């Protein structure tokens, strides 16, 4: 007797031994969520199909983890030029859509990707490329602030003395009456 309203709470008997992977794939021209279910030690018994609500409920923890990875935004894998095309395809196949996902993934996420842990380090370097250290930014801002304070001090001194502050604007090419009389 089948009950379509089955609600899976926790893992079903034996499900905790299955290797379950949710991933994005193409179904025709539409990007779709798929699930691959493998019985460890039995390479002949693999289920690879479109993920439906039953899969999402049955493997709820894995589905939630997969959804969490999908909601992370970032730099698309396709923009990571240092990666060979075949490896880029493998990352996409394994569910990595962003370089940030590769950079933050645990070792276990790379069990099916040759050299994956090293690529995680390369992804971190790629993301940090061109970034300036926080201490350097603070130092630069402090120098700019000091320079501006010195300029303000000079301008205030000049104004106290009744002088026109240096750099207070360009002359427009017109001579004042006094300058015309002197010429």
N, C-alpha and C. Protein backbone atom coordinates (compact mmCIF):
# COMPACT_ATOMS: atom_id res chain seq x y z
N UNK A 1 0.85 -1.17 0.00
CA UNK A 1 0.00 0.00 0.00
C UNK A 1 0.90 1.23 0.00
N UNK A 2 0.85 2.02 -1.08
CA UNK A 2 1.70 3.21 -1.22
C UNK A 2 0.96 4.43 -0.70
N UNK A 3 1.68 5.25 0.02
CA UNK A 3 1.12 6.49 0.54
C UNK A 3 1.88 7.65 -0.08
N UNK A 4 1.23 8.41 -0.97
CA UNK A 4 1.89 9.52 -1.65
C UNK A 4 2.23 10.65 -0.69
N UNK A 5 1.60 10.69 0.46
CA UNK A 5 1.84 11.77 1.42
C UNK A 5 2.91 11.42 2.42
N UNK A 6 3.80 10.51 2.08
CA UNK A 6 4.86 10.10 3.00
C UNK A 6 5.73 11.31 3.32
N UNK A 7 5.97 11.50 4.59
CA UNK A 7 6.84 12.59 5.02
C UNK A 7 8.09 11.97 5.62
N UNK A 8 9.23 12.23 4.99
CA UNK A 8 10.48 11.66 5.46
C UNK A 8 11.04 12.53 6.58
N UNK A 9 11.27 11.92 7.71
CA UNK A 9 11.87 12.61 8.84
C UNK A 9 13.21 11.95 9.08
N UNK A 10 14.27 12.71 8.90
CA UNK A 10 15.60 12.12 9.04
C UNK A 10 15.89 11.21 7.87
N UNK A 11 16.77 10.28 8.05
CA UNK A 11 17.16 9.37 6.98
C UNK A 11 16.31 8.11 7.04
N UNK A 12 15.93 7.59 5.87
CA UNK A 12 15.21 6.33 5.81
C UNK A 12 16.23 5.21 6.00
N UNK A 13 15.76 4.06 6.37
CA UNK A 13 16.64 2.93 6.59
C UNK A 13 17.50 2.69 5.37
N UNK A 14 18.80 2.68 5.54
CA UNK A 14 19.72 2.42 4.45
C UNK A 14 20.11 3.65 3.65
N UNK A 15 19.32 4.71 3.69
CA UNK A 15 19.60 5.90 2.90
C UNK A 15 20.89 6.59 3.33
N UNK A 16 21.25 6.43 4.60
CA UNK A 16 22.47 7.10 5.07
C UNK A 16 23.73 6.47 4.47
N UNK A 17 23.61 5.30 3.83
CA UNK A 17 24.75 4.67 3.18
C UNK A 17 24.88 5.04 1.71
N UNK A 18 23.85 5.66 1.15
CA UNK A 18 23.86 6.03 -0.26
C UNK A 18 24.69 7.28 -0.50
N UNK A 19 25.31 7.33 -1.65
CA UNK A 19 26.04 8.52 -2.08
C UNK A 19 25.08 9.32 -2.95
N UNK A 20 24.55 10.43 -2.41
CA UNK A 20 23.54 11.22 -3.10
C UNK A 20 24.13 12.58 -3.46
N UNK A 21 24.03 12.91 -4.74
CA UNK A 21 24.57 14.18 -5.22
C UNK A 21 23.49 14.90 -6.03
N UNK A 22 23.17 16.12 -5.62
CA UNK A 22 22.30 16.97 -6.41
C UNK A 22 23.20 17.86 -7.25
N UNK A 23 22.80 18.12 -8.50
CA UNK A 23 23.61 18.97 -9.37
C UNK A 23 22.72 19.61 -10.44
N UNK A 24 23.27 20.64 -11.08
CA UNK A 24 22.59 21.32 -12.19
C UNK A 24 22.99 20.64 -13.48
N UNK A 25 22.03 20.48 -14.37
CA UNK A 25 22.31 19.92 -15.67
C UNK A 25 21.31 20.48 -16.68
N UNK A 26 21.53 20.17 -17.93
CA UNK A 26 20.66 20.67 -18.99
C UNK A 26 19.68 19.57 -19.39
N UNK A 27 18.42 19.93 -19.46
CA UNK A 27 17.37 19.05 -19.97
C UNK A 27 16.82 19.75 -21.19
N UNK A 28 17.31 19.36 -22.35
CA UNK A 28 17.00 20.11 -23.56
C UNK A 28 17.74 21.44 -23.49
N UNK A 29 17.01 22.52 -23.45
CA UNK A 29 17.63 23.85 -23.37
C UNK A 29 17.37 24.51 -22.02
N UNK A 30 16.87 23.73 -21.08
CA UNK A 30 16.51 24.27 -19.76
C UNK A 30 17.46 23.71 -18.70
N UNK A 31 18.01 24.61 -17.86
CA UNK A 31 18.85 24.16 -16.75
C UNK A 31 17.94 23.59 -15.67
N UNK A 32 18.24 22.38 -15.22
CA UNK A 32 17.38 21.65 -14.29
C UNK A 32 18.21 21.04 -13.18
N UNK A 33 17.57 20.79 -12.04
CA UNK A 33 18.23 20.11 -10.93
C UNK A 33 18.13 18.60 -11.15
N UNK A 34 19.25 17.92 -10.99
CA UNK A 34 19.31 16.47 -11.13
C UNK A 34 19.78 15.87 -9.82
N UNK A 35 19.56 14.56 -9.67
CA UNK A 35 20.07 13.83 -8.53
C UNK A 35 20.74 12.56 -9.04
N UNK A 36 21.89 12.24 -8.45
CA UNK A 36 22.60 11.00 -8.77
C UNK A 36 22.69 10.23 -7.46
N UNK A 37 22.18 9.01 -7.47
CA UNK A 37 22.19 8.16 -6.29
C UNK A 37 23.05 6.93 -6.61
N UNK A 38 24.08 6.72 -5.80
CA UNK A 38 25.02 5.63 -6.03
C UNK A 38 25.11 4.78 -4.76
N UNK A 39 25.11 3.49 -4.94
CA UNK A 39 25.35 2.59 -3.81
C UNK A 39 26.85 2.35 -3.78
N UNK A 40 27.53 2.81 -2.73
CA UNK A 40 28.98 2.62 -2.66
C UNK A 40 29.35 1.14 -2.80
N UNK A 41 30.31 0.87 -3.65
CA UNK A 41 30.75 -0.50 -3.88
C UNK A 41 30.01 -1.20 -5.01
N UNK A 42 28.97 -0.55 -5.55
CA UNK A 42 28.22 -1.16 -6.64
C UNK A 42 28.09 -0.15 -7.78
N UNK A 43 29.07 -0.14 -8.67
CA UNK A 43 29.08 0.83 -9.77
C UNK A 43 28.02 0.54 -10.82
N UNK A 44 27.41 -0.63 -10.76
CA UNK A 44 26.41 -0.99 -11.76
C UNK A 44 25.01 -0.48 -11.41
N UNK A 45 24.83 -0.04 -10.18
CA UNK A 45 23.51 0.39 -9.74
C UNK A 45 23.54 1.89 -9.43
N UNK A 46 23.37 2.71 -10.47
CA UNK A 46 23.41 4.16 -10.33
C UNK A 46 22.11 4.74 -10.86
N UNK A 47 21.49 5.60 -10.08
CA UNK A 47 20.29 6.31 -10.52
C UNK A 47 20.70 7.75 -10.78
N UNK A 48 20.45 8.23 -11.98
CA UNK A 48 20.79 9.59 -12.37
C UNK A 48 19.57 10.15 -13.09
N UNK A 49 18.83 11.03 -12.42
CA UNK A 49 17.56 11.50 -12.97
C UNK A 49 17.26 12.92 -12.52
N UNK A 50 16.20 13.49 -13.08
CA UNK A 50 15.75 14.82 -12.67
C UNK A 50 15.28 14.72 -11.22
N UNK A 51 15.71 15.67 -10.41
CA UNK A 51 15.32 15.67 -8.99
C UNK A 51 13.86 16.11 -8.87
N UNK A 52 13.06 15.28 -8.23
CA UNK A 52 11.66 15.66 -8.01
C UNK A 52 11.42 15.87 -6.51
N UNK A 53 10.21 16.18 -6.15
CA UNK A 53 9.88 16.49 -4.75
C UNK A 53 10.16 15.31 -3.82
N UNK A 54 9.97 14.10 -4.31
CA UNK A 54 10.24 12.92 -3.48
C UNK A 54 11.72 12.86 -3.12
N UNK A 55 12.60 13.09 -4.11
CA UNK A 55 14.04 13.10 -3.83
C UNK A 55 14.39 14.21 -2.85
N UNK A 56 13.79 15.37 -3.03
CA UNK A 56 14.09 16.52 -2.17
C UNK A 56 13.67 16.26 -0.74
N UNK A 57 12.55 15.58 -0.54
CA UNK A 57 12.11 15.25 0.83
C UNK A 57 12.93 14.10 1.41
N UNK A 58 13.15 13.07 0.59
CA UNK A 58 13.85 11.88 1.07
C UNK A 58 15.27 12.19 1.49
N UNK A 59 15.95 13.04 0.71
CA UNK A 59 17.33 13.42 1.00
C UNK A 59 17.37 14.90 1.37
N UNK A 60 16.53 15.26 2.33
CA UNK A 60 16.31 16.68 2.69
C UNK A 60 17.60 17.39 3.08
N UNK A 61 18.44 16.76 3.88
CA UNK A 61 19.69 17.43 4.30
C UNK A 61 20.61 17.71 3.12
N UNK A 62 20.74 16.73 2.25
CA UNK A 62 21.59 16.92 1.07
C UNK A 62 20.99 17.99 0.14
N UNK A 63 19.67 17.99 0.01
CA UNK A 63 19.00 18.98 -0.83
C UNK A 63 19.21 20.39 -0.25
N UNK A 64 19.07 20.55 1.05
CA UNK A 64 19.26 21.86 1.67
C UNK A 64 20.70 22.34 1.50
N UNK A 65 21.66 21.44 1.63
CA UNK A 65 23.06 21.81 1.43
C UNK A 65 23.28 22.24 -0.01
N UNK A 66 22.71 21.50 -0.95
CA UNK A 66 22.82 21.84 -2.37
C UNK A 66 22.18 23.20 -2.65
N UNK A 67 20.99 23.44 -2.12
CA UNK A 67 20.32 24.74 -2.31
C UNK A 67 21.16 25.87 -1.73
N UNK A 68 21.78 25.62 -0.57
CA UNK A 68 22.63 26.64 0.05
C UNK A 68 23.80 27.01 -0.85
N UNK A 69 24.40 26.01 -1.49
CA UNK A 69 25.51 26.28 -2.41
C UNK A 69 25.01 27.04 -3.64
N UNK A 70 23.80 26.73 -4.10
CA UNK A 70 23.28 27.38 -5.30
C UNK A 70 22.94 28.85 -5.06
N UNK A 71 22.60 29.20 -3.81
CA UNK A 71 22.21 30.58 -3.52
C UNK A 71 23.40 31.51 -3.33
N UNK A 72 24.59 30.94 -3.27
CA UNK A 72 25.78 31.76 -3.12
C UNK A 72 26.06 32.43 -4.45
N UNK A 73 26.22 33.72 -4.43
CA UNK A 73 26.56 34.45 -5.65
C UNK A 73 28.07 34.57 -5.75
N UNK A 74 28.54 35.13 -6.84
CA UNK A 74 29.96 35.33 -6.93
C UNK A 74 30.45 35.38 -8.36
N UNK A 75 31.71 35.03 -8.53
CA UNK A 75 32.36 35.06 -9.83
C UNK A 75 32.08 33.75 -10.55
N UNK A 76 31.40 33.79 -11.68
CA UNK A 76 31.09 32.54 -12.40
C UNK A 76 32.36 31.78 -12.77
N UNK A 77 32.28 30.46 -12.69
CA UNK A 77 33.41 29.59 -13.03
C UNK A 77 33.93 29.92 -14.44
N UNK A 78 33.04 30.30 -15.34
CA UNK A 78 33.43 30.57 -16.73
C UNK A 78 34.38 31.77 -16.83
N UNK A 79 34.41 32.64 -15.82
CA UNK A 79 35.30 33.80 -15.83
C UNK A 79 36.67 33.50 -15.23
N UNK A 80 36.87 32.29 -14.74
CA UNK A 80 38.14 31.89 -14.14
C UNK A 80 39.04 31.36 -15.24
N UNK A 81 39.83 32.25 -15.80
CA UNK A 81 40.62 31.95 -17.00
C UNK A 81 41.76 30.97 -16.74
N UNK A 82 42.23 30.83 -15.52
CA UNK A 82 43.37 29.97 -15.20
C UNK A 82 43.04 28.48 -15.26
N UNK A 83 41.75 28.15 -15.40
CA UNK A 83 41.31 26.76 -15.33
C UNK A 83 41.15 26.18 -16.74
N UNK A 84 41.69 24.99 -16.98
CA UNK A 84 41.48 24.34 -18.28
C UNK A 84 39.98 24.09 -18.52
N UNK A 85 39.57 24.13 -19.75
CA UNK A 85 38.16 23.97 -20.10
C UNK A 85 37.56 22.67 -19.57
N UNK A 86 38.32 21.58 -19.62
CA UNK A 86 37.80 20.30 -19.14
C UNK A 86 37.54 20.33 -17.64
N UNK A 87 38.44 20.98 -16.90
CA UNK A 87 38.25 21.07 -15.45
C UNK A 87 37.08 22.01 -15.13
N UNK A 88 36.95 23.08 -15.89
CA UNK A 88 35.83 24.00 -15.70
C UNK A 88 34.50 23.24 -15.89
N UNK A 89 34.46 22.40 -16.91
CA UNK A 89 33.27 21.58 -17.15
C UNK A 89 33.02 20.61 -16.00
N UNK A 90 34.10 20.05 -15.46
CA UNK A 90 33.97 19.12 -14.32
C UNK A 90 33.44 19.85 -13.09
N UNK A 91 33.95 21.06 -12.84
CA UNK A 91 33.45 21.85 -11.71
C UNK A 91 31.95 22.10 -11.87
N UNK A 92 31.54 22.48 -13.06
CA UNK A 92 30.12 22.73 -13.32
C UNK A 92 29.31 21.45 -13.12
N UNK A 93 29.83 20.34 -13.61
CA UNK A 93 29.16 19.05 -13.49
C UNK A 93 28.99 18.66 -12.02
N UNK A 94 29.99 18.99 -11.21
CA UNK A 94 29.94 18.66 -9.78
C UNK A 94 29.13 19.67 -8.97
N UNK A 95 28.59 20.70 -9.62
CA UNK A 95 27.71 21.63 -8.93
C UNK A 95 28.37 22.94 -8.51
N UNK A 96 29.62 23.15 -8.89
CA UNK A 96 30.29 24.41 -8.56
C UNK A 96 29.98 25.41 -9.68
N UNK A 97 29.25 26.46 -9.35
CA UNK A 97 28.93 27.47 -10.36
C UNK A 97 29.78 28.72 -10.20
N UNK A 98 30.35 28.92 -9.00
CA UNK A 98 31.11 30.14 -8.72
C UNK A 98 32.49 29.79 -8.16
N UNK A 99 33.45 30.64 -8.45
CA UNK A 99 34.82 30.46 -7.95
C UNK A 99 34.80 30.48 -6.42
N UNK A 100 33.93 31.30 -5.83
CA UNK A 100 33.84 31.38 -4.37
C UNK A 100 33.44 30.04 -3.76
N UNK A 101 32.62 29.26 -4.48
CA UNK A 101 32.24 27.93 -3.99
C UNK A 101 33.45 27.00 -3.95
N UNK A 102 34.28 27.08 -4.97
CA UNK A 102 35.49 26.25 -5.01
C UNK A 102 36.44 26.69 -3.89
N UNK A 103 36.58 28.01 -3.72
CA UNK A 103 37.51 28.55 -2.72
C UNK A 103 37.11 28.18 -1.29
N UNK A 104 35.82 28.00 -1.03
CA UNK A 104 35.36 27.73 0.32
C UNK A 104 34.92 26.30 0.57
N UNK A 105 35.06 25.43 -0.40
CA UNK A 105 34.59 24.05 -0.26
C UNK A 105 35.50 23.23 0.64
N UNK A 106 34.91 22.28 1.38
CA UNK A 106 35.74 21.39 2.21
C UNK A 106 36.46 20.36 1.35
N UNK A 107 37.45 19.70 1.92
CA UNK A 107 38.22 18.67 1.20
C UNK A 107 37.31 17.61 0.59
N UNK A 108 36.26 17.24 1.31
CA UNK A 108 35.38 16.17 0.84
C UNK A 108 34.68 16.52 -0.47
N UNK A 109 34.52 17.80 -0.76
CA UNK A 109 33.85 18.20 -2.00
C UNK A 109 34.70 17.90 -3.22
N UNK A 110 35.98 17.64 -3.03
CA UNK A 110 36.87 17.42 -4.15
C UNK A 110 37.23 15.95 -4.35
N UNK A 111 36.47 15.06 -3.74
CA UNK A 111 36.80 13.63 -3.84
C UNK A 111 36.74 13.11 -5.26
N UNK A 112 35.95 13.74 -6.12
CA UNK A 112 35.83 13.28 -7.51
C UNK A 112 36.56 14.18 -8.50
N UNK A 113 37.30 15.16 -7.99
CA UNK A 113 38.01 16.09 -8.87
C UNK A 113 39.51 15.95 -8.63
N UNK A 114 40.22 15.55 -9.66
CA UNK A 114 41.67 15.35 -9.55
C UNK A 114 42.36 16.67 -9.20
N UNK A 115 43.12 16.68 -8.12
CA UNK A 115 43.84 17.89 -7.72
C UNK A 115 42.92 18.98 -7.18
N UNK A 116 41.74 18.61 -6.73
CA UNK A 116 40.73 19.58 -6.29
C UNK A 116 41.18 20.48 -5.16
N UNK A 117 41.89 19.91 -4.18
CA UNK A 117 42.33 20.71 -3.03
C UNK A 117 43.30 21.80 -3.49
N UNK A 118 44.17 21.48 -4.43
CA UNK A 118 45.09 22.49 -4.97
C UNK A 118 44.32 23.56 -5.73
N UNK A 119 43.24 23.15 -6.41
CA UNK A 119 42.44 24.14 -7.15
C UNK A 119 41.69 25.05 -6.18
N UNK A 120 41.38 24.54 -4.99
CA UNK A 120 40.75 25.41 -3.99
C UNK A 120 41.72 26.54 -3.63
N UNK A 121 43.00 26.20 -3.42
CA UNK A 121 44.02 27.21 -3.11
C UNK A 121 44.17 28.19 -4.26
N UNK A 122 44.15 27.69 -5.49
CA UNK A 122 44.25 28.56 -6.66
C UNK A 122 43.03 29.47 -6.77
N UNK A 123 41.85 28.96 -6.41
CA UNK A 123 40.64 29.78 -6.44
C UNK A 123 40.73 30.90 -5.41
N UNK A 124 41.27 30.59 -4.24
CA UNK A 124 41.44 31.63 -3.21
C UNK A 124 42.41 32.70 -3.69
N UNK A 125 43.50 32.28 -4.32
CA UNK A 125 44.47 33.24 -4.87
C UNK A 125 43.83 34.09 -5.96
N UNK A 126 43.04 33.46 -6.82
CA UNK A 126 42.36 34.17 -7.90
C UNK A 126 41.44 35.26 -7.33
N UNK A 127 40.72 34.92 -6.28
CA UNK A 127 39.78 35.89 -5.67
C UNK A 127 40.51 37.01 -4.94
N UNK A 128 41.70 36.72 -4.41
CA UNK A 128 42.46 37.73 -3.67
C UNK A 128 43.36 38.56 -4.57
N UNK A 129 43.45 38.19 -5.85
CA UNK A 129 44.30 38.91 -6.79
C UNK A 129 43.82 40.36 -6.92
N UNK A 130 44.76 41.28 -6.80
CA UNK A 130 44.42 42.69 -6.98
C UNK A 130 43.85 43.36 -5.74
N UNK A 131 43.65 42.59 -4.70
CA UNK A 131 43.13 43.20 -3.46
C UNK A 131 44.29 43.82 -2.69
N UNK A 132 44.02 44.97 -2.10
CA UNK A 132 45.02 45.67 -1.31
C UNK A 132 44.76 45.33 0.15
N UNK A 133 45.82 45.13 0.89
CA UNK A 133 45.69 44.80 2.30
C UNK A 133 45.00 45.94 3.04
N UNK A 134 44.20 45.60 4.03
CA UNK A 134 43.45 46.58 4.80
C UNK A 134 44.37 47.61 5.46
N UNK A 135 45.50 47.15 5.96
CA UNK A 135 46.43 48.07 6.63
C UNK A 135 47.00 49.08 5.63
N UNK A 136 47.22 48.66 4.38
CA UNK A 136 47.71 49.59 3.35
C UNK A 136 46.67 50.66 3.04
N UNK A 137 45.40 50.27 3.00
CA UNK A 137 44.33 51.23 2.73
C UNK A 137 44.23 52.25 3.85
N UNK A 138 44.32 51.79 5.09
CA UNK A 138 44.24 52.69 6.24
C UNK A 138 45.41 53.66 6.22
N UNK A 139 46.59 53.16 5.91
CA UNK A 139 47.79 54.01 5.85
C UNK A 139 47.62 55.07 4.75
N UNK A 140 47.14 54.68 3.60
CA UNK A 140 46.93 55.60 2.48
C UNK A 140 45.90 56.68 2.85
N UNK A 141 44.82 56.27 3.50
CA UNK A 141 43.79 57.24 3.91
C UNK A 141 44.34 58.21 4.95
N UNK A 142 45.16 57.73 5.85
CA UNK A 142 45.76 58.60 6.88
C UNK A 142 46.66 59.64 6.23
N UNK A 143 47.45 59.22 5.23
CA UNK A 143 48.32 60.16 4.51
C UNK A 143 47.51 61.22 3.77
N UNK A 144 46.42 60.80 3.14
CA UNK A 144 45.56 61.75 2.42
C UNK A 144 44.92 62.74 3.39
N UNK A 145 44.48 62.25 4.53
CA UNK A 145 43.87 63.11 5.55
C UNK A 145 44.88 64.14 6.05
N UNK A 146 46.10 63.70 6.32
CA UNK A 146 47.15 64.60 6.79
C UNK A 146 47.43 65.68 5.74
N UNK A 147 47.51 65.29 4.48
CA UNK A 147 47.76 66.24 3.39
C UNK A 147 46.63 67.27 3.30
N UNK A 148 45.40 66.82 3.40
CA UNK A 148 44.25 67.74 3.35
C UNK A 148 44.25 68.70 4.55
N UNK A 149 44.62 68.19 5.72
CA UNK A 149 44.68 69.04 6.90
C UNK A 149 45.74 70.12 6.74
N UNK A 150 46.89 69.77 6.16
CA UNK A 150 47.94 70.75 5.92
C UNK A 150 47.47 71.82 4.92
N UNK A 151 46.77 71.40 3.88
CA UNK A 151 46.25 72.36 2.91
C UNK A 151 45.25 73.31 3.56
N UNK A 152 44.38 72.77 4.39
CA UNK A 152 43.38 73.60 5.10
C UNK A 152 44.07 74.61 6.01
N UNK A 153 45.12 74.17 6.69
CA UNK A 153 45.86 75.03 7.61
C UNK A 153 46.50 76.19 6.84
N UNK A 154 47.11 75.90 5.67
CA UNK A 154 47.72 76.94 4.84
C UNK A 154 46.67 77.93 4.36
N UNK A 155 45.53 77.42 3.94
CA UNK A 155 44.46 78.30 3.45
C UNK A 155 43.94 79.20 4.57
N UNK A 156 43.79 78.67 5.76
CA UNK A 156 43.32 79.48 6.89
C UNK A 156 44.33 80.57 7.23
N UNK A 157 45.62 80.24 7.20
CA UNK A 157 46.66 81.24 7.47
C UNK A 157 46.64 82.34 6.42
N UNK A 158 46.49 81.95 5.17
CA UNK A 158 46.44 82.94 4.09
C UNK A 158 45.21 83.84 4.23
N UNK A 159 44.10 83.27 4.64
CA UNK A 159 42.88 84.06 4.80
C UNK A 159 43.01 85.02 5.98
N UNK A 160 43.69 84.61 7.02
CA UNK A 160 43.92 85.49 8.17
C UNK A 160 44.78 86.69 7.77
N UNK A 161 45.72 86.45 6.88
CA UNK A 161 46.62 87.50 6.42
C UNK A 161 45.99 88.34 5.31
N UNK A 162 44.79 88.00 4.88
CA UNK A 162 44.10 88.76 3.85
C UNK A 162 44.54 88.41 2.45
N UNK A 163 45.28 87.35 2.29
CA UNK A 163 45.73 86.94 0.97
C UNK A 163 44.68 86.05 0.33
N UNK A 164 44.74 86.02 -0.99
CA UNK A 164 43.91 85.08 -1.72
C UNK A 164 44.60 83.72 -1.60
N UNK A 165 43.88 82.69 -1.16
CA UNK A 165 44.52 81.38 -1.01
C UNK A 165 45.08 80.89 -2.34
N UNK A 166 46.27 80.30 -2.27
CA UNK A 166 46.85 79.77 -3.49
C UNK A 166 46.01 78.59 -3.96
N UNK A 167 45.83 78.54 -5.26
CA UNK A 167 45.03 77.45 -5.82
C UNK A 167 43.55 77.67 -5.60
N UNK A 168 43.12 78.92 -5.35
CA UNK A 168 41.71 79.19 -5.07
C UNK A 168 40.93 79.34 -6.36
N UNK A 169 41.46 78.90 -7.43
CA UNK A 169 40.71 78.95 -8.68
C UNK A 169 41.57 79.58 -9.75
N UNK A 170 41.35 79.23 -10.98
CA UNK A 170 42.15 79.76 -12.07
C UNK A 170 41.70 81.17 -12.45
N UNK A 171 42.65 81.95 -12.96
CA UNK A 171 42.30 83.27 -13.47
C UNK A 171 41.69 83.04 -14.84
N UNK A 172 40.66 83.78 -15.13
CA UNK A 172 39.93 83.55 -16.36
C UNK A 172 40.44 84.37 -17.54
N UNK A 173 41.55 85.03 -17.38
CA UNK A 173 42.10 85.79 -18.49
C UNK A 173 41.66 87.26 -18.50
N UNK A 174 40.79 87.65 -17.61
CA UNK A 174 40.38 89.05 -17.51
C UNK A 174 41.27 89.75 -16.52
N UNK A 175 41.59 90.96 -16.86
CA UNK A 175 42.42 91.76 -15.95
C UNK A 175 41.49 92.65 -15.14
N UNK A 176 41.87 92.78 -13.88
CA UNK A 176 41.12 93.72 -13.04
C UNK A 176 41.47 95.14 -13.47
N UNK A 177 40.67 96.11 -13.05
CA UNK A 177 40.93 97.52 -13.41
C UNK A 177 42.30 97.94 -12.94
N UNK A 178 42.71 97.47 -11.74
CA UNK A 178 44.01 97.81 -11.19
C UNK A 178 45.11 97.28 -12.10
N UNK A 179 44.96 96.02 -12.59
CA UNK A 179 45.94 95.43 -13.47
C UNK A 179 46.00 96.15 -14.81
N UNK A 180 44.85 96.65 -15.29
CA UNK A 180 44.81 97.38 -16.55
C UNK A 180 45.53 98.73 -16.41
N UNK A 181 45.33 99.38 -15.27
CA UNK A 181 45.98 100.68 -15.04
C UNK A 181 47.49 100.54 -14.95
N UNK A 182 47.94 99.46 -14.33
CA UNK A 182 49.37 99.22 -14.15
C UNK A 182 50.04 98.87 -15.48
N UNK A 183 49.32 98.33 -16.42
CA UNK A 183 49.90 97.87 -17.67
C UNK A 183 50.11 98.96 -18.64
